[in-house]
PDB file of N, CA and C in Angstrom:
ATOM      1  N   UNK A   1     -15.513 -14.825  25.895  1.00  0.00           N
ATOM      2  CA  UNK A   1     -15.743 -15.955  24.733  1.00  0.00           C
ATOM      3  C   UNK A   1     -15.633 -15.431  23.523  1.00  0.00           C
ATOM      4  N   UNK A   2     -15.286 -16.317  22.635  1.00  0.00           N
ATOM      5  CA  UNK A   2     -15.172 -15.780  21.135  1.00  0.00           C
ATOM      6  C   UNK A   2     -16.160 -16.664  20.137  1.00  0.00           C
ATOM      7  N   UNK A   3     -16.864 -15.877  19.710  1.00  0.00           N
ATOM      8  CA  UNK A   3     -17.880 -16.830  18.949  1.00  0.00           C
ATOM      9  C   UNK A   3     -17.083 -16.617  17.266  1.00  0.00           C
ATOM     10  N   UNK A   4     -17.136 -17.435  16.282  1.00  0.00           N
ATOM     11  CA  UNK A   4     -16.495 -17.610  15.467  1.00  0.00           C
ATOM     12  C   UNK A   4     -17.696 -17.906  14.274  1.00  0.00           C
ATOM     13  N   UNK A   5     -18.036 -16.955  13.280  1.00  0.00           N
ATOM     14  CA  UNK A   5     -19.033 -17.065  12.328  1.00  0.00           C
ATOM     15  C   UNK A   5     -18.463 -17.196  11.123  1.00  0.00           C
ATOM     16  N   UNK A   6     -19.561 -17.647  10.071  1.00  0.00           N
ATOM     17  CA  UNK A   6     -19.103 -17.543   8.934  1.00  0.00           C
ATOM     18  C   UNK A   6     -20.077 -16.148   7.943  1.00  0.00           C
ATOM     19  N   UNK A   7     -19.447 -15.720   7.026  1.00  0.00           N
ATOM     20  CA  UNK A   7     -19.876 -14.582   6.400  1.00  0.00           C
ATOM     21  C   UNK A   7     -19.598 -13.358   7.245  1.00  0.00           C
ATOM     22  N   UNK A   8     -20.537 -12.179   6.450  1.00  0.00           N
ATOM     23  CA  UNK A   8     -20.017 -10.915   7.331  1.00  0.00           C
ATOM     24  C   UNK A   8     -20.861 -10.392   8.894  1.00  0.00           C
ATOM     25  N   UNK A   9     -21.857 -11.082   8.716  1.00  0.00           N
ATOM     26  CA  UNK A   9     -22.316 -10.758   9.860  1.00  0.00           C
ATOM     27  C   UNK A   9     -23.472 -11.824  10.677  1.00  0.00           C
ATOM     28  N   UNK A  10     -24.018 -11.996  11.688  1.00  0.00           N
ATOM     29  CA  UNK A  10     -24.819 -13.065  12.376  1.00  0.00           C
ATOM     30  C   UNK A  10     -25.967 -11.570  12.916  1.00  0.00           C
ATOM     31  N   UNK A  11     -27.427 -12.331  13.144  1.00  0.00           N
ATOM     32  CA  UNK A  11     -28.374 -11.154  13.328  1.00  0.00           C
ATOM     33  C   UNK A  11     -28.061 -11.745  15.019  1.00  0.00           C
ATOM     34  N   UNK A  12     -28.578 -10.395  15.597  1.00  0.00           N
ATOM     35  CA  UNK A  12     -28.076 -10.951  17.370  1.00  0.00           C
ATOM     36  C   UNK A  12     -28.661 -11.952  18.032  1.00  0.00           C
ATOM     37  N   UNK A  13     -30.362 -11.918  17.460  1.00  0.00           N
ATOM     38  CA  UNK A  13     -31.174 -13.107  18.312  1.00  0.00           C
ATOM     39  C   UNK A  13     -30.135 -14.404  17.761  1.00  0.00           C
ATOM     40  N   UNK A  14     -29.782 -14.738  16.792  1.00  0.00           N
ATOM     41  CA  UNK A  14     -28.892 -15.878  16.056  1.00  0.00           C
ATOM     42  C   UNK A  14     -27.830 -16.328  17.082  1.00  0.00           C
ATOM     43  N   UNK A  15     -26.883 -14.860  17.138  1.00  0.00           N
ATOM     44  CA  UNK A  15     -25.966 -15.082  18.186  1.00  0.00           C
ATOM     45  C   UNK A  15     -26.305 -15.231  20.203  1.00  0.00           C
ATOM     46  N   UNK A  16     -26.996 -15.020  20.377  1.00  0.00           N
ATOM     47  CA  UNK A  16     -27.512 -14.932  21.507  1.00  0.00           C
ATOM     48  C   UNK A  16     -27.790 -16.443  21.616  1.00  0.00           C
ATOM     49  N   UNK A  17     -28.526 -16.965  21.011  1.00  0.00           N
ATOM     50  CA  UNK A  17     -28.703 -18.668  20.604  1.00  0.00           C
ATOM     51  C   UNK A  17     -27.394 -19.464  20.442  1.00  0.00           C
ATOM     52  N   UNK A  18     -26.862 -19.107  19.353  1.00  0.00           N
ATOM     53  CA  UNK A  18     -25.246 -19.846  19.175  1.00  0.00           C
ATOM     54  C   UNK A  18     -23.993 -20.033  20.091  1.00  0.00           C
ATOM     55  N   UNK A  19     -24.350 -18.604  21.180  1.00  0.00           N
ATOM     56  CA  UNK A  19     -23.184 -18.620  22.330  1.00  0.00           C
ATOM     57  C   UNK A  19     -24.376 -19.416  23.351  1.00  0.00           C
ATOM     58  N   UNK A  20     -25.297 -19.700  23.318  1.00  0.00           N
ATOM     59  CA  UNK A  20     -25.830 -20.262  24.638  1.00  0.00           C
ATOM     60  C   UNK A  20     -26.465 -19.714  25.664  1.00  0.00           C
ATOM     61  N   UNK A  21     -26.495 -18.114  25.373  1.00  0.00           N
ATOM     62  CA  UNK A  21     -26.637 -17.225  26.598  1.00  0.00           C
ATOM     63  C   UNK A  21     -28.097 -17.157  26.409  1.00  0.00           C
ATOM     64  N   UNK A  22     -29.277 -17.900  25.081  1.00  0.00           N
ATOM     65  CA  UNK A  22     -30.619 -17.667  25.345  1.00  0.00           C
ATOM     66  C   UNK A  22     -31.092 -19.388  24.910  1.00  0.00           C
ATOM     67  N   UNK A  23     -32.071 -19.806  25.475  1.00  0.00           N
ATOM     68  CA  UNK A  23     -32.115 -21.087  24.929  1.00  0.00           C
ATOM     69  C   UNK A  23     -32.991 -21.194  23.999  1.00  0.00           C
ATOM     70  N   UNK A  24     -33.715 -20.093  23.579  1.00  0.00           N
ATOM     71  CA  UNK A  24     -34.546 -20.195  22.478  1.00  0.00           C
ATOM     72  C   UNK A  24     -34.624 -19.004  21.823  1.00  0.00           C
ATOM     73  N   UNK A  25     -35.564 -18.832  20.290  1.00  0.00           N
ATOM     74  CA  UNK A  25     -35.171 -17.655  19.713  1.00  0.00           C
ATOM     75  C   UNK A  25     -36.685 -16.465  20.820  1.00  0.00           C
ATOM     76  N   UNK A  26     -37.512 -17.330  21.833  1.00  0.00           N
ATOM     77  CA  UNK A  26     -38.457 -16.436  22.449  1.00  0.00           C
ATOM     78  C   UNK A  26     -37.654 -15.693  23.574  1.00  0.00           C
ATOM     79  N   UNK A  27     -36.867 -16.593  23.799  1.00  0.00           N
ATOM     80  CA  UNK A  27     -35.874 -16.158  25.205  1.00  0.00           C
ATOM     81  C   UNK A  27     -34.810 -15.274  24.712  1.00  0.00           C
ATOM     82  N   UNK A  28     -34.306 -15.332  23.596  1.00  0.00           N
ATOM     83  CA  UNK A  28     -33.164 -14.407  22.662  1.00  0.00           C
ATOM     84  C   UNK A  28     -34.477 -12.928  22.599  1.00  0.00           C
ATOM     85  N   UNK A  29     -35.673 -13.355  22.342  1.00  0.00           N
ATOM     86  CA  UNK A  29     -36.277 -11.912  21.790  1.00  0.00           C
ATOM     87  C   UNK A  29     -37.119 -11.385  23.193  1.00  0.00           C
ATOM     88  N   UNK A  30     -36.837 -11.899  24.369  1.00  0.00           N
ATOM     89  CA  UNK A  30     -37.062 -11.500  25.576  1.00  0.00           C
ATOM     90  C   UNK A  30     -35.994 -11.110  26.136  1.00  0.00           C
ATOM     91  N   UNK A  31     -34.825 -11.357  26.110  1.00  0.00           N
ATOM     92  CA  UNK A  31     -33.588 -10.607  26.528  1.00  0.00           C
ATOM     93  C   UNK A  31     -33.537  -8.920  25.385  1.00  0.00           C
ATOM     94  N   UNK A  32     -33.213  -9.325  24.362  1.00  0.00           N
ATOM     95  CA  UNK A  32     -33.077  -8.224  24.056  1.00  0.00           C
ATOM     96  C   UNK A  32     -34.124  -7.358  24.256  1.00  0.00           C
ATOM     97  N   UNK A  33     -35.451  -7.172  24.068  1.00  0.00           N
ATOM     98  CA  UNK A  33     -36.692  -6.594  24.598  1.00  0.00           C
ATOM     99  C   UNK A  33     -36.703  -5.809  25.553  1.00  0.00           C
ATOM    100  N   UNK A  34     -36.007  -6.382  26.475  1.00  0.00           N
ATOM    101  CA  UNK A  34     -35.749  -6.106  27.711  1.00  0.00           C
ATOM    102  C   UNK A  34     -34.880  -5.294  27.990  1.00  0.00           C
ATOM    103  N   UNK A  35     -33.953  -5.057  27.444  1.00  0.00           N
ATOM    104  CA  UNK A  35     -32.823  -3.961  27.869  1.00  0.00           C
ATOM    105  C   UNK A  35     -31.894  -4.810  28.328  1.00  0.00           C
ATOM    106  N   UNK A  36     -31.530  -6.092  27.927  1.00  0.00           N
ATOM    107  CA  UNK A  36     -30.634  -6.682  28.860  1.00  0.00           C
ATOM    108  C   UNK A  36     -29.493  -7.063  28.236  1.00  0.00           C
ATOM    109  N   UNK A  37     -29.342  -6.305  26.653  1.00  0.00           N
ATOM    110  CA  UNK A  37     -28.454  -6.892  26.160  1.00  0.00           C
ATOM    111  C   UNK A  37     -27.562  -5.185  25.652  1.00  0.00           C
ATOM    112  N   UNK A  38     -26.299  -5.634  25.485  1.00  0.00           N
ATOM    113  CA  UNK A  38     -25.478  -4.647  24.926  1.00  0.00           C
ATOM    114  C   UNK A  38     -24.513  -4.493  23.997  1.00  0.00           C
ATOM    115  N   UNK A  39     -24.383  -3.806  22.984  1.00  0.00           N
ATOM    116  CA  UNK A  39     -23.452  -4.292  21.888  1.00  0.00           C
ATOM    117  C   UNK A  39     -22.561  -3.072  22.011  1.00  0.00           C
ATOM    118  N   UNK A  40     -21.339  -3.298  21.888  1.00  0.00           N
ATOM    119  CA  UNK A  40     -20.462  -2.012  22.146  1.00  0.00           C
ATOM    120  C   UNK A  40     -20.507  -1.181  23.451  1.00  0.00           C
ATOM    121  N   UNK A  41     -21.362  -1.994  24.233  1.00  0.00           N
ATOM    122  CA  UNK A  41     -21.434  -1.144  25.551  1.00  0.00           C
ATOM    123  C   UNK A  41     -22.844   0.228  25.126  1.00  0.00           C
ATOM    124  N   UNK A  42     -23.526  -0.203  24.510  1.00  0.00           N
ATOM    125  CA  UNK A  42     -24.669   0.408  24.470  1.00  0.00           C
ATOM    126  C   UNK A  42     -26.013  -0.576  23.903  1.00  0.00           C
ATOM    127  N   UNK A  43     -27.271   0.019  24.670  1.00  0.00           N
ATOM    128  CA  UNK A  43     -28.450  -0.965  25.022  1.00  0.00           C
ATOM    129  C   UNK A  43     -28.925  -1.397  23.731  1.00  0.00           C
ATOM    130  N   UNK A  44     -29.193  -2.569  22.974  1.00  0.00           N
ATOM    131  CA  UNK A  44     -29.503  -2.531  21.787  1.00  0.00           C
ATOM    132  C   UNK A  44     -30.868  -3.771  22.116  1.00  0.00           C
ATOM    133  N   UNK A  45     -31.862  -2.981  21.509  1.00  0.00           N
ATOM    134  CA  UNK A  45     -32.895  -3.571  21.643  1.00  0.00           C
ATOM    135  C   UNK A  45     -33.870  -4.060  20.064  1.00  0.00           C
ATOM    136  N   UNK A  46     -32.946  -4.030  18.915  1.00  0.00           N
ATOM    137  CA  UNK A  46     -33.680  -4.656  17.599  1.00  0.00           C
ATOM    138  C   UNK A  46     -32.902  -6.396  17.255  1.00  0.00           C
ATOM    139  N   UNK A  47     -34.054  -7.141  17.512  1.00  0.00           N
ATOM    140  CA  UNK A  47     -33.463  -8.318  17.369  1.00  0.00           C
ATOM    141  C   UNK A  47     -32.323  -8.883  15.887  1.00  0.00           C
ATOM    142  N   UNK A  48     -32.872  -8.075  14.616  1.00  0.00           N
ATOM    143  CA  UNK A  48     -32.099  -8.689  13.785  1.00  0.00           C
ATOM    144  C   UNK A  48     -30.718  -7.483  13.483  1.00  0.00           C
ATOM    145  N   UNK A  49     -30.509  -6.973  14.957  1.00  0.00           N
ATOM    146  CA  UNK A  49     -29.148  -6.176  14.597  1.00  0.00           C
ATOM    147  C   UNK A  49     -28.074  -7.266  14.023  1.00  0.00           C
ATOM    148  N   UNK A  50     -27.453  -6.792  12.781  1.00  0.00           N
ATOM    149  CA  UNK A  50     -26.441  -7.147  12.781  1.00  0.00           C
ATOM    150  C   UNK A  50     -24.974  -6.961  13.483  1.00  0.00           C
ATOM    151  N   UNK A  51     -24.680  -8.124  13.717  1.00  0.00           N
ATOM    152  CA  UNK A  51     -23.714  -8.259  14.976  1.00  0.00           C
ATOM    153  C   UNK A  51     -22.127  -8.550  13.433  1.00  0.00           C
ATOM    154  N   UNK A  52     -21.061  -7.903  13.788  1.00  0.00           N
ATOM    155  CA  UNK A  52     -20.021  -7.895  12.898  1.00  0.00           C
ATOM    156  C   UNK A  52     -18.707  -8.706  13.476  1.00  0.00           C
ATOM    157  N   UNK A  53     -17.889  -9.752  12.832  1.00  0.00           N
ATOM    158  CA  UNK A  53     -16.948  -9.492  13.922  1.00  0.00           C
ATOM    159  C   UNK A  53     -16.095  -7.963  14.311  1.00  0.00           C
ATOM    160  N   UNK A  54     -15.396  -8.596  15.538  1.00  0.00           N
ATOM    161  CA  UNK A  54     -15.009  -7.408  15.891  1.00  0.00           C
ATOM    162  C   UNK A  54     -15.934  -6.452  16.972  1.00  0.00           C
ATOM    163  N   UNK A  55     -17.287  -7.042  17.048  1.00  0.00           N
ATOM    164  CA  UNK A  55     -18.291  -6.294  17.993  1.00  0.00           C
ATOM    165  C   UNK A  55     -18.251  -7.364  19.178  1.00  0.00           C
ATOM    166  N   UNK A  56     -18.613  -6.494  20.352  1.00  0.00           N
ATOM    167  CA  UNK A  56     -18.339  -7.167  21.546  1.00  0.00           C
ATOM    168  C   UNK A  56     -19.878  -6.937  22.187  1.00  0.00           C
ATOM    169  N   UNK A  57     -20.437  -8.378  22.829  1.00  0.00           N
ATOM    170  CA  UNK A  57     -21.668  -8.078  23.018  1.00  0.00           C
ATOM    171  C   UNK A  57     -22.044  -8.884  24.700  1.00  0.00           C
ATOM    172  N   UNK A  58     -22.615  -8.085  25.285  1.00  0.00           N
ATOM    173  CA  UNK A  58     -22.783  -8.234  26.689  1.00  0.00           C
ATOM    174  C   UNK A  58     -24.615  -8.549  26.948  1.00  0.00           C
ATOM    175  N   UNK A  59     -24.437  -9.349  27.960  1.00  0.00           N
ATOM    176  CA  UNK A  59     -25.892 -10.077  28.476  1.00  0.00           C
ATOM    177  C   UNK A  59     -26.209  -9.776  29.963  1.00  0.00           C
ATOM    178  N   UNK A  60     -26.783  -8.995  30.661  1.00  0.00           N
ATOM    179  CA  UNK A  60     -26.977  -8.637  31.722  1.00  0.00           C
ATOM    180  C   UNK A  60     -27.276 -10.208  32.409  1.00  0.00           C
ATOM    181  N   UNK A  61     -26.678 -10.125  33.457  1.00  0.00           N
ATOM    182  CA  UNK A  61     -26.966 -11.746  34.141  1.00  0.00           C
ATOM    183  C   UNK A  61     -26.113 -12.743  33.830  1.00  0.00           C
ATOM    184  N   UNK A  62     -25.250 -12.635  32.533  1.00  0.00           N
ATOM    185  CA  UNK A  62     -24.627 -13.810  32.142  1.00  0.00           C
ATOM    186  C   UNK A  62     -22.608 -13.324  31.938  1.00  0.00           C
ATOM    187  N   UNK A  63     -22.417 -13.846  32.636  1.00  0.00           N
ATOM    188  CA  UNK A  63     -20.712 -13.856  33.078  1.00  0.00           C
ATOM    189  C   UNK A  63     -19.831 -13.244  31.846  1.00  0.00           C
ATOM    190  N   UNK A  64     -19.947 -14.273  30.629  1.00  0.00           N
ATOM    191  CA  UNK A  64     -19.314 -14.046  29.403  1.00  0.00           C
ATOM    192  C   UNK A  64     -19.635 -13.025  29.152  1.00  0.00           C
ATOM    193  N   UNK A  65     -18.674 -12.354  28.272  1.00  0.00           N
ATOM    194  CA  UNK A  65     -18.814 -11.493  27.130  1.00  0.00           C
ATOM    195  C   UNK A  65     -18.240 -11.941  25.558  1.00  0.00           C
ATOM    196  N   UNK A  66     -19.322 -12.103  25.065  1.00  0.00           N
ATOM    197  CA  UNK A  66     -19.008 -12.322  23.275  1.00  0.00           C
ATOM    198  C   UNK A  66     -18.394 -11.685  22.616  1.00  0.00           C
ATOM    199  N   UNK A  67     -17.423 -11.498  21.980  1.00  0.00           N
ATOM    200  CA  UNK A  67     -16.489 -11.228  21.134  1.00  0.00           C
ATOM    201  C   UNK A  67     -16.685 -12.205  19.967  1.00  0.00           C
ATOM    202  N   UNK A  68     -17.167 -11.256  18.935  1.00  0.00           N
ATOM    203  CA  UNK A  68     -17.534 -11.939  17.418  1.00  0.00           C
ATOM    204  C   UNK A  68     -16.123 -11.914  16.954  1.00  0.00           C
ATOM    205  N   UNK A  69     -16.096 -13.049  15.949  1.00  0.00           N
ATOM    206  CA  UNK A  69     -14.680 -13.089  15.322  1.00  0.00           C
ATOM    207  C   UNK A  69     -15.168 -13.874  13.829  1.00  0.00           C
ATOM    208  N   UNK A  70     -14.832 -13.791  13.099  1.00  0.00           N
ATOM    209  CA  UNK A  70     -14.774 -14.612  11.482  1.00  0.00           C
ATOM    210  C   UNK A  70     -14.245 -15.665  11.272  1.00  0.00           C
ATOM    211  N   UNK A  71     -14.735 -17.028  11.010  1.00  0.00           N
ATOM    212  CA  UNK A  71     -14.109 -18.003  10.896  1.00  0.00           C
ATOM    213  C   UNK A  71     -12.626 -17.922  10.155  1.00  0.00           C
ATOM    214  N   UNK A  72     -12.613 -17.222   9.418  1.00  0.00           N
ATOM    215  CA  UNK A  72     -11.575 -17.265   8.393  1.00  0.00           C
ATOM    216  C   UNK A  72     -10.291 -16.150   9.216  1.00  0.00           C
ATOM    217  N   UNK A  73     -10.471 -15.447  10.391  1.00  0.00           N
ATOM    218  CA  UNK A  73      -9.291 -14.531  10.609  1.00  0.00           C
ATOM    219  C   UNK A  73      -8.473 -15.726  11.851  1.00  0.00           C
ATOM    220  N   UNK A  74      -7.065 -15.138  11.617  1.00  0.00           N
ATOM    221  CA  UNK A  74      -6.678 -16.260  12.752  1.00  0.00           C
ATOM    222  C   UNK A  74      -5.825 -15.208  13.708  1.00  0.00           C
TER     223      UNK A  74
END
């Protein structure tokens, strides 16, 4: 799944909500702190981790892999 963002980055918890992988901020926090989120194949536990275009995010138990892109990229 390709997620387009405005700007240079989006925080990890915001990305999870935007992509529909988390129902709320609390749910995003739970997913992240439980070690179910990987960024570039590495477990990430920082909710405010800056996710930039080109980053690949995977959530355990969610089939879709999120690839972040800038809205200005073609």
